[in-house]
Amino acid sequence: MKNGKNLTRTQKLVLLSRGLDPKERLISKKLPDMWLLVHRRTNRTFELWFDKTISSIRKYSDTATQLG
């Protein structure tokens, strides 16, 4: 059984944007490109992967809109 930690507010918002219920998940491991989540009741693990190229493009486009 993995020991999960409660989610932060930002992590909850990320899970909501991915269509997952943050009330049912705990975070077990946080890597730069992947989070390992644990379900509260069933203790099943779930890997949530991130694409670095998309997030870097999003950060660039956000700063470009703020500047001009």
Protein backbone atom coordinates (compact mmCIF):
# COMPACT_ATOMS: atom_id res chain seq x y z
CA MET A 1 0.00 0.00 0.00
CA LYS A 2 1.34 3.41 -1.00
CA ASN A 3 1.26 6.29 1.45
CA GLY A 4 -0.46 9.20 -0.24
CA LYS A 5 -0.47 12.85 0.77
CA ASN A 6 -3.30 15.35 0.49
CA LEU A 7 -3.37 17.46 -2.65
CA THR A 8 -2.56 21.15 -2.75
CA ARG A 9 -5.00 23.63 -4.26
CA THR A 10 -3.04 23.80 -7.53
CA GLN A 11 -2.90 20.01 -7.79
CA LYS A 12 -6.67 19.84 -7.25
CA LEU A 13 -7.21 22.29 -10.10
CA VAL A 14 -4.99 20.21 -12.39
CA LEU A 15 -6.98 17.07 -11.59
CA LEU A 16 -10.26 18.88 -12.21
CA SER A 17 -9.00 20.07 -15.60
CA ARG A 18 -8.14 16.45 -16.45
CA GLY A 19 -11.62 15.24 -15.47
CA LEU A 20 -10.57 13.49 -12.24
CA ASP A 21 -12.20 13.91 -8.83
CA PRO A 22 -9.60 15.35 -6.41
CA LYS A 23 -11.65 14.20 -3.42
CA GLU A 24 -10.94 10.58 -4.38
CA ARG A 25 -7.18 10.92 -5.02
CA LEU A 26 -3.99 11.27 -2.99
CA ILE A 27 -0.57 12.08 -4.43
CA SER A 28 2.11 9.49 -3.81
CA LYS A 29 4.97 10.70 -5.99
CA LYS A 30 5.52 13.96 -7.86
CA LEU A 31 8.05 14.00 -10.70
CA PRO A 32 8.57 16.80 -13.26
CA ASP A 33 6.72 14.89 -16.00
CA MET A 34 4.50 12.49 -14.00
CA TRP A 35 2.43 12.28 -10.81
CA LEU A 36 1.64 8.97 -9.16
CA LEU A 37 -1.85 9.17 -7.66
CA VAL A 38 -3.53 6.73 -5.27
CA HIS A 39 -7.28 6.22 -5.00
CA ARG A 40 -8.47 6.78 -1.42
CA ARG A 41 -10.75 3.75 -1.15
CA THR A 42 -9.36 1.15 -3.55
CA ASN A 43 -5.63 1.97 -3.18
CA ARG A 44 -5.21 1.64 -6.94
CA THR A 45 -2.41 3.70 -8.43
CA PHE A 46 -2.79 5.99 -11.43
CA GLU A 47 -0.05 7.74 -13.40
CA LEU A 48 -0.82 11.24 -14.64
CA TRP A 49 1.67 12.24 -17.35
CA PHE A 50 2.51 15.75 -18.49
CA ASP A 51 3.91 16.86 -21.84
CA LYS A 52 6.69 19.37 -21.25
CA THR A 53 6.55 20.82 -24.75
CA ILE A 54 2.90 21.86 -24.38
CA SER A 55 3.44 23.48 -20.97
CA SER A 56 6.50 25.37 -22.21
CA ILE A 57 4.54 26.64 -25.23
CA ARG A 58 1.68 27.67 -22.94
CA LYS A 59 4.05 29.59 -20.65
CA TYR A 60 5.58 31.35 -23.64
CA SER A 61 2.20 32.32 -25.09
CA ASP A 62 1.01 33.63 -21.69
CA THR A 63 4.02 35.95 -21.36
CA ALA A 64 3.66 37.12 -24.96
CA THR A 65 0.04 38.15 -24.40
CA GLN A 66 0.95 40.01 -21.21
CA LEU A 67 3.69 41.99 -22.92
CA GLY A 68 1.75 43.20 -25.89
